[in-house]
Amino acid sequence: MKFSLDRIFLRHKVDEETQKNGVMLVTFAEPKHAVAEQLRTVKTNIEFAGAALDQCQVIMFTSSAMSEGKSTVAANVAVTWAQAGKKVLLIDADLRRPTIHATFRKLNLEGVTTILTGKTKADEVAEETFVKNLSVLTSGPVPPNPSELLNSKRMGNLLDWAREKYDIIVLDAPPVLAVSDVQVLVPKTDGVVVIANMGKTLKSDLKRTVEVLKLADAKILGAVERIKAKRGDRGYGYGYGYGYGESK
């Protein structure tokens, strides 16, 4: 079941540019903009969907394929929680194509990978950002074995540590169909949000994504639909429609 919301517009970022420069934090730069308001609605709908769960503290954002907007939505929704007074940790769990360090202007010399290899501790690496109440844990150097690291006991310990320190933990995860990283993360999370680009994502891929997540026993909180703007709409924007509910 889906609940349709108004279209909103964000500047187009190709995947390579996003990796280099990060995503646009419209919720921070222009909190009164219609885009920011829609993202706050997304946050609220996640909370409503998660109310039926025993716990909804660790939330993973993913997609079927690359360049579908998952990092943009994850980062901006994390900002909206921080603006609402929650203590938030945004973790870059996309160890292959990380973006959070670029978005928040961090060096990324240490992060998730150095924690999972035992070189550093979480409380030494998590950093506060220019957004009040929001801390980030960047990916760290790209490893040769991302899936193995994410499936390790240390990853579970990292999230246990985060649950004690923060109100909300947001995971920016890799695409479901590209690698097996998301499947190994599912048991460590409370809920999953799927991002789909309606001008690009194949219905068959989206269906496969839901099937893979359900096989991993994921609690799917809903979907965020990225809709390409019609010709004549302003700028180089994209319309985003948001809906949450049970997946069918």
Protein backbone atom coordinates (compact mmCIF):
# COMPACT_ATOMS: atom_id res chain seq x y z
CA MET A 1 0.00 0.00 0.00
CA LYS A 2 1.35 3.46 -0.89
CA PHE A 3 0.47 7.00 0.05
CA SER A 4 1.16 9.51 -2.73
CA LEU A 5 2.69 12.84 -1.80
CA ASP A 6 3.51 15.91 -3.86
CA ARG A 7 6.46 16.00 -6.27
CA ILE A 8 9.53 17.84 -5.10
CA PHE A 9 12.69 18.86 -6.90
CA LEU A 10 16.37 18.20 -6.26
CA ARG A 11 19.34 18.99 -8.46
CA HIS A 12 20.56 16.10 -10.54
CA LYS A 13 23.85 14.55 -9.45
CA VAL A 14 25.44 11.81 -11.49
CA ASP A 15 27.05 9.06 -9.46
CA GLU A 16 30.64 10.15 -10.10
CA GLU A 17 29.96 13.73 -9.12
CA THR A 18 28.17 12.58 -5.97
CA GLN A 19 31.18 10.54 -4.92
CA LYS A 20 33.42 13.55 -5.43
CA ASN A 21 31.27 16.37 -4.05
CA GLY A 22 28.65 14.61 -1.94
CA VAL A 23 24.89 15.12 -2.06
CA MET A 24 22.90 18.32 -1.65
CA LEU A 25 21.64 18.80 1.91
CA VAL A 26 18.56 20.80 1.09
CA THR A 27 17.14 20.15 4.56
CA PHE A 28 20.13 22.01 6.03
CA ALA A 29 20.70 24.67 3.37
CA GLU A 30 17.04 25.60 2.86
CA PRO A 31 14.98 24.12 5.72
CA LYS A 32 11.86 26.11 4.74
CA HIS A 33 11.94 24.95 1.12
CA ALA A 34 9.17 22.66 -0.13
CA VAL A 35 11.79 19.97 -0.73
CA ALA A 36 12.81 20.05 2.92
CA GLU A 37 9.19 19.85 3.99
CA GLN A 38 8.64 16.75 1.86
CA LEU A 39 11.71 15.12 3.39
CA ARG A 40 10.37 15.84 6.86
CA THR A 41 7.17 14.10 5.75
CA VAL A 42 9.27 11.11 4.73
CA LYS A 43 10.83 11.07 8.20
CA THR A 44 7.40 11.19 9.82
CA ASN A 45 6.08 8.38 7.64
CA ILE A 46 9.07 6.20 8.54
CA GLU A 47 8.22 6.78 12.20
CA PHE A 48 4.59 5.79 11.58
CA ALA A 49 5.64 2.66 9.69
CA GLY A 50 8.15 1.77 12.39
CA ALA A 51 5.62 2.18 15.19
CA ALA A 52 4.33 -1.31 14.47
CA LEU A 53 7.78 -2.80 15.12
CA ASP A 54 9.22 -3.71 18.50
CA GLN A 55 12.13 -1.40 17.73
CA CYS A 56 12.90 1.03 14.93
CA GLN A 57 16.26 2.59 15.76
CA VAL A 58 18.61 1.30 13.05
CA ILE A 59 17.20 2.13 9.61
CA MET A 60 18.87 1.15 6.34
CA PHE A 61 18.41 3.03 3.06
CA THR A 62 19.10 1.10 -0.13
CA SER A 63 18.05 0.80 -3.79
CA SER A 64 18.00 -1.70 -6.64
CA ALA A 65 20.95 -0.18 -8.52
CA MET A 66 23.42 2.69 -8.39
CA SER A 67 22.54 6.37 -8.92
CA GLU A 68 18.94 6.12 -7.74
CA GLY A 69 19.22 8.71 -4.97
CA LYS A 70 19.61 6.57 -1.83
CA SER A 71 22.50 8.63 -0.43
CA THR A 72 20.60 11.90 -0.98
CA VAL A 73 17.52 10.62 0.81
CA ALA A 74 19.49 8.95 3.63
CA ALA A 75 21.56 12.04 4.41
CA ASN A 76 18.65 14.47 4.21
CA VAL A 77 16.33 12.35 6.33
CA ALA A 78 19.12 11.98 8.89
CA VAL A 79 19.32 15.79 9.00
CA THR A 80 15.57 16.07 9.58
CA TRP A 81 15.80 13.75 12.59
CA ALA A 82 18.66 15.80 13.99
CA GLN A 83 16.66 18.99 13.47
CA ALA A 84 13.80 17.39 15.39
CA GLY A 85 16.10 17.02 18.40
CA LYS A 86 17.11 13.39 18.00
CA LYS A 87 20.73 12.37 18.49
CA VAL A 88 21.55 10.84 15.10
CA LEU A 89 24.44 8.81 13.67
CA LEU A 90 24.69 8.52 9.89
CA ILE A 91 26.86 5.54 8.88
CA ASP A 92 28.30 5.07 5.41
CA ALA A 93 27.82 1.33 4.95
CA ASP A 94 28.47 1.58 1.21
CA LEU A 95 32.08 0.51 1.47
CA ARG A 96 32.49 0.32 -2.32
CA ARG A 97 31.20 3.74 -3.42
CA PRO A 98 31.08 5.95 -0.29
CA THR A 99 29.72 9.51 -0.34
CA ILE A 100 29.15 10.66 3.24
CA HIS A 101 32.71 11.92 3.71
CA ALA A 102 32.29 14.17 0.66
CA THR A 103 28.88 15.45 1.77
CA PHE A 104 30.13 16.41 5.23
CA ARG A 105 33.68 17.38 4.19
CA LYS A 106 35.52 14.65 6.10
CA LEU A 107 38.89 13.13 5.18
CA ASN A 108 37.73 9.49 5.36
CA LEU A 109 41.14 8.23 6.48
CA GLU A 110 39.38 6.25 9.21
CA GLY A 111 35.86 4.94 9.47
CA VAL A 112 33.77 1.78 9.31
CA THR A 113 36.52 -0.30 7.68
CA THR A 114 39.20 0.62 10.22
CA ILE A 115 36.76 -0.21 13.03
CA LEU A 116 35.85 -3.56 11.48
CA THR A 117 39.53 -4.47 11.00
CA GLY A 118 40.30 -3.59 14.62
CA LYS A 119 42.56 -0.63 13.85
CA THR A 120 40.35 1.98 15.53
CA LYS A 121 37.41 2.20 17.93
CA ALA A 122 34.00 3.64 17.09
CA ASP A 123 34.09 6.41 19.68
CA GLU A 124 37.44 7.54 18.26
CA VAL A 125 36.16 7.73 14.68
CA ALA A 126 32.57 9.01 14.85
CA GLU A 127 32.59 12.74 14.17
CA GLU A 128 30.19 15.57 14.83
CA THR A 129 29.07 17.60 11.81
CA PHE A 130 27.98 21.16 11.07
CA VAL A 131 24.42 19.94 11.68
CA LYS A 132 23.50 20.07 15.36
CA ASN A 133 22.76 16.60 16.85
CA LEU A 134 24.12 14.80 13.76
CA SER A 135 27.31 12.74 13.80
CA VAL A 136 28.72 10.68 10.95
CA LEU A 137 30.78 7.56 10.62
CA THR A 138 32.43 7.59 7.21
CA SER A 139 33.28 4.40 5.34
CA GLY A 140 37.03 4.54 5.77
CA PRO A 141 39.40 3.21 3.07
CA VAL A 142 37.74 0.94 0.49
CA PRO A 143 38.50 -2.69 1.49
CA PRO A 144 38.93 -5.77 -0.72
CA ASN A 145 36.23 -7.70 1.19
CA PRO A 146 33.26 -5.43 2.03
CA SER A 147 30.67 -8.21 2.45
CA GLU A 148 32.85 -10.17 4.84
CA LEU A 149 33.50 -7.09 6.97
CA LEU A 150 29.82 -6.12 7.11
CA ASN A 151 28.91 -9.69 8.05
CA SER A 152 31.44 -9.78 10.88
CA LYS A 153 30.81 -9.84 14.62
CA ARG A 154 32.51 -6.45 14.84
CA MET A 155 29.78 -4.92 12.67
CA GLY A 156 27.19 -6.19 15.11
CA ASN A 157 29.25 -4.77 17.98
CA LEU A 158 29.50 -1.42 16.17
CA LEU A 159 25.72 -1.17 15.85
CA ASP A 160 25.25 -2.26 19.47
CA TRP A 161 27.56 0.60 20.48
CA ALA A 162 25.60 3.01 18.28
CA ARG A 163 22.26 1.93 19.78
CA GLU A 164 23.54 2.88 23.22
CA LYS A 165 24.92 6.27 22.15
CA TYR A 166 22.31 7.53 19.64
CA ASP A 167 18.54 7.78 19.26
CA ILE A 168 18.54 7.02 15.52
CA ILE A 169 21.14 5.25 13.36
CA VAL A 170 20.83 5.71 9.58
CA LEU A 171 22.72 3.32 7.30
CA ASP A 172 23.49 4.37 3.73
CA ALA A 173 23.85 0.90 2.22
CA PRO A 174 24.86 -0.40 -1.24
CA PRO A 175 22.29 -1.35 -3.91
CA VAL A 176 20.58 -4.69 -3.30
CA LEU A 177 21.05 -6.25 -6.74
CA ALA A 178 24.66 -5.17 -7.22
CA VAL A 179 26.27 -6.92 -4.25
CA SER A 180 25.38 -9.10 -1.26
CA ASP A 181 26.25 -6.45 1.36
CA VAL A 182 22.64 -5.51 2.13
CA GLN A 183 21.55 -9.08 2.79
CA VAL A 184 24.23 -9.53 5.46
CA LEU A 185 23.27 -6.21 7.06
CA VAL A 186 19.53 -6.93 7.28
CA PRO A 187 19.67 -9.03 10.49
CA LYS A 188 21.52 -6.17 12.21
CA THR A 189 18.93 -3.52 11.31
CA ASP A 190 15.35 -2.78 12.38
CA GLY A 191 13.88 -1.60 9.08
CA VAL A 192 14.69 -0.93 5.43
CA VAL A 193 13.67 1.90 3.10
CA VAL A 194 13.99 1.30 -0.66
CA ILE A 195 14.75 4.14 -3.09
CA ALA A 196 13.49 3.78 -6.67
CA ASN A 197 14.06 6.02 -9.69
CA MET A 198 10.77 5.77 -11.55
CA GLY A 199 12.35 7.04 -14.75
CA LYS A 200 15.11 4.45 -14.59
CA THR A 201 14.41 1.55 -12.23
CA LEU A 202 12.91 -1.46 -14.00
CA LYS A 203 9.78 -2.86 -12.37
CA SER A 204 11.35 -6.30 -12.55
CA ASP A 205 14.43 -5.04 -10.66
CA LEU A 206 12.28 -3.44 -8.00
CA LYS A 207 10.30 -6.66 -7.62
CA ARG A 208 13.54 -8.66 -7.32
CA THR A 209 14.83 -6.17 -4.75
CA VAL A 210 11.77 -6.67 -2.56
CA GLU A 211 12.02 -10.44 -2.96
CA VAL A 212 15.70 -10.45 -1.95
CA LEU A 213 14.97 -8.30 1.10
CA LYS A 214 12.05 -10.49 2.15
CA LEU A 215 14.22 -13.62 1.79
CA ALA A 216 16.63 -11.94 4.20
CA ASP A 217 13.65 -11.35 6.54
CA ALA A 218 13.89 -7.57 6.19
CA LYS A 219 11.19 -5.34 7.62
CA ILE A 220 10.48 -3.06 4.64
CA LEU A 221 9.21 0.26 5.94
CA GLY A 222 8.33 1.58 2.49
CA ALA A 223 9.64 3.08 -0.75
CA VAL A 224 10.77 6.50 -1.89
CA GLU A 225 10.00 7.12 -5.56
CA ARG A 226 12.31 9.33 -7.56
CA ILE A 227 10.33 10.77 -10.48
CA LYS A 228 11.96 12.54 -13.40
CA ALA A 229 10.65 16.07 -13.89
CA LYS A 230 8.73 16.91 -17.03
CA ARG A 231 10.35 19.10 -19.67
CA GLY A 232 9.79 22.73 -18.81
CA ASP A 233 10.06 22.23 -15.05
CA ARG A 234 12.60 24.52 -13.44
CA GLY A 235 16.33 23.89 -13.28
CA TYR A 236 17.83 20.46 -13.69
CA GLY A 237 15.55 19.04 -11.08
CA TYR A 238 13.92 15.72 -10.38
CA GLY A 239 10.55 15.22 -8.77
CA TYR A 240 10.46 12.93 -5.80
CA GLY A 241 7.25 11.28 -4.67
CA TYR A 242 7.19 9.59 -1.30
CA GLY A 243 5.08 6.76 -0.03
CA TYR A 244 5.27 4.31 2.84
CA GLY A 245 3.27 1.27 3.78
CA GLU A 246 3.25 -2.49 3.40
CA SER A 247 4.98 -3.79 0.30
CA LYS A 248 2.86 -6.00 -1.94
